[in-house]
Amino acid sequence: VQVVESGGGLVPPGGSLTLSCVATGSRLDIYDMQWYRQAPGLPREVVATITGTKRTTYADSVKGRFTISRDYNKDAVYLQMNNLKPEDTAVYYCHIEGTEWGKRTDAWGQGTQVAVSS
């Protein structure tokens, strides 16, 4: 399984960004797709999750500002981030869980940098 993120960048406080992630593999059946982030010196934390049944959950710190969505046909997940704050600065990672050729699998992307600064 390969997972590739895109869409990071530098934005001023209050700005918006949309991250994208696409997973590719053979006979891939994805259950959950998640966005994590890791700021310097801090542990990686889950930001948002979207399940195979379209249920979404968010970290308290991003509720009302971030929206996770998914294209089930393309095995893609997106993270719309609005009203960004300096504390949102981090490397954002996409994580998928599912099966490949019927075997349980999970995979991480390489990460995309988001920097919020004036």
Protein backbone atom coordinates (compact mmCIF):
# COMPACT_ATOMS: atom_id res chain seq x y z
CA VAL A 1 0.00 0.00 0.00
CA GLN A 2 1.24 3.48 -0.86
CA VAL A 3 -0.14 6.60 0.76
CA VAL A 4 0.68 10.05 -0.62
CA GLU A 5 -0.32 13.38 0.90
CA SER A 6 -0.29 16.81 -0.70
CA GLY A 7 -1.53 20.31 -0.04
CA GLY A 8 0.61 21.61 2.80
CA GLY A 9 2.11 25.07 2.85
CA LEU A 10 2.55 28.36 4.67
CA VAL A 11 -0.55 30.39 5.52
CA PRO A 12 -1.23 33.35 7.79
CA PRO A 13 -3.36 32.95 10.92
CA GLY A 14 -7.01 32.75 9.95
CA GLY A 15 -6.18 31.24 6.58
CA SER A 16 -7.31 27.99 5.04
CA LEU A 17 -5.69 24.94 3.48
CA THR A 18 -6.94 21.66 2.10
CA LEU A 19 -4.85 18.53 2.46
CA SER A 20 -5.32 15.56 0.16
CA CYS A 21 -4.30 11.94 0.53
CA VAL A 22 -4.58 9.06 -1.92
CA ALA A 23 -3.96 5.40 -1.13
CA THR A 24 -3.05 2.89 -3.82
CA GLY A 25 -2.63 -0.85 -3.65
CA SER A 26 -3.83 -4.16 -4.99
CA ARG A 27 -7.20 -5.46 -3.91
CA LEU A 28 -7.28 -2.68 -1.35
CA ASP A 29 -10.29 -2.36 0.93
CA ILE A 30 -9.95 0.61 3.26
CA TYR A 31 -11.88 0.82 6.51
CA ASP A 32 -10.72 3.93 8.34
CA MET A 33 -8.77 6.92 7.07
CA GLN A 34 -7.21 9.36 9.48
CA TRP A 35 -5.20 12.54 9.63
CA TYR A 36 -2.54 12.86 12.30
CA ARG A 37 -0.15 15.67 13.01
CA GLN A 38 3.14 16.05 14.82
CA ALA A 39 4.59 19.33 15.98
CA PRO A 40 8.30 19.62 16.90
CA GLY A 41 9.01 18.06 20.27
CA LEU A 42 5.50 16.68 20.66
CA PRO A 43 4.01 13.22 20.09
CA ARG A 44 1.97 12.46 16.99
CA GLU A 45 -1.73 13.06 17.62
CA VAL A 46 -4.86 12.10 15.74
CA VAL A 47 -6.65 15.09 14.22
CA ALA A 48 -9.62 13.52 12.45
CA THR A 49 -10.98 10.13 11.46
CA ILE A 50 -13.52 9.01 8.87
CA THR A 51 -14.71 5.42 8.91
CA GLY A 52 -16.02 3.12 6.22
CA THR A 53 -19.52 4.01 7.40
CA LYS A 54 -18.85 7.76 7.04
CA ARG A 55 -18.65 8.38 10.77
CA THR A 56 -16.31 11.24 11.59
CA THR A 57 -14.50 12.21 14.78
CA TYR A 58 -12.27 15.18 15.53
CA ALA A 59 -9.75 16.25 18.12
CA ASP A 60 -11.25 18.87 20.42
CA SER A 61 -8.64 21.39 19.30
CA VAL A 62 -9.90 21.36 15.68
CA LYS A 63 -13.66 20.87 16.09
CA GLY A 64 -15.60 23.47 14.14
CA ARG A 65 -12.56 24.47 12.08
CA PHE A 66 -11.47 21.27 10.28
CA THR A 67 -13.58 18.99 8.11
CA ILE A 68 -12.58 15.51 6.99
CA SER A 69 -14.13 14.02 3.88
CA ARG A 70 -13.56 11.00 1.71
CA ASP A 71 -13.93 9.85 -1.86
CA TYR A 72 -14.66 6.14 -1.52
CA ASN A 73 -14.23 5.50 -5.24
CA LYS A 74 -10.75 7.02 -5.34
CA ASP A 75 -9.52 5.80 -1.91
CA ALA A 76 -8.85 9.44 -1.12
CA VAL A 77 -9.32 11.51 2.01
CA TYR A 78 -9.25 15.26 2.44
CA LEU A 79 -8.84 17.64 5.34
CA GLN A 80 -10.32 21.11 4.91
CA MET A 81 -8.69 23.38 7.49
CA ASN A 82 -10.22 26.78 8.17
CA ASN A 83 -9.36 29.54 10.63
CA LEU A 84 -5.87 28.14 11.04
CA LYS A 85 -3.92 29.04 14.16
CA PRO A 86 -0.17 29.06 14.82
CA GLU A 87 -0.64 26.03 17.07
CA ASP A 88 -1.85 24.07 14.03
CA THR A 89 1.70 24.20 12.69
CA ALA A 90 2.89 20.61 12.28
CA VAL A 91 3.66 17.85 9.83
CA TYR A 92 0.36 16.26 8.86
CA TYR A 93 0.24 12.55 8.12
CA CYS A 94 -2.40 10.42 6.46
CA HIS A 95 -3.01 6.93 7.89
CA ILE A 96 -5.17 4.18 6.46
CA GLU A 97 -6.39 0.90 7.89
CA GLY A 98 -7.94 -1.91 5.91
CA THR A 99 -7.09 -5.06 4.00
CA GLU A 100 -4.95 -5.77 0.98
CA TRP A 101 -5.57 -9.08 -0.73
CA GLY A 102 -7.71 -9.92 2.29
CA LYS A 103 -4.93 -9.36 4.84
CA ARG A 104 -5.10 -6.62 7.44
CA THR A 105 -2.85 -3.72 6.64
CA ASP A 106 -2.17 -0.17 7.63
CA ALA A 107 0.05 2.47 6.08
CA TRP A 108 1.34 5.99 6.63
CA GLY A 109 2.10 8.73 4.17
CA GLN A 110 5.36 10.65 4.19
CA GLY A 111 3.79 13.73 5.71
CA THR A 112 3.12 17.26 4.49
CA GLN A 113 4.21 20.39 6.33
CA VAL A 114 1.65 22.96 7.43
CA ALA A 115 2.99 26.23 8.82
CA VAL A 116 0.73 28.96 10.18
CA SER A 117 2.55 32.23 10.65
CA SER A 118 2.27 35.90 9.86
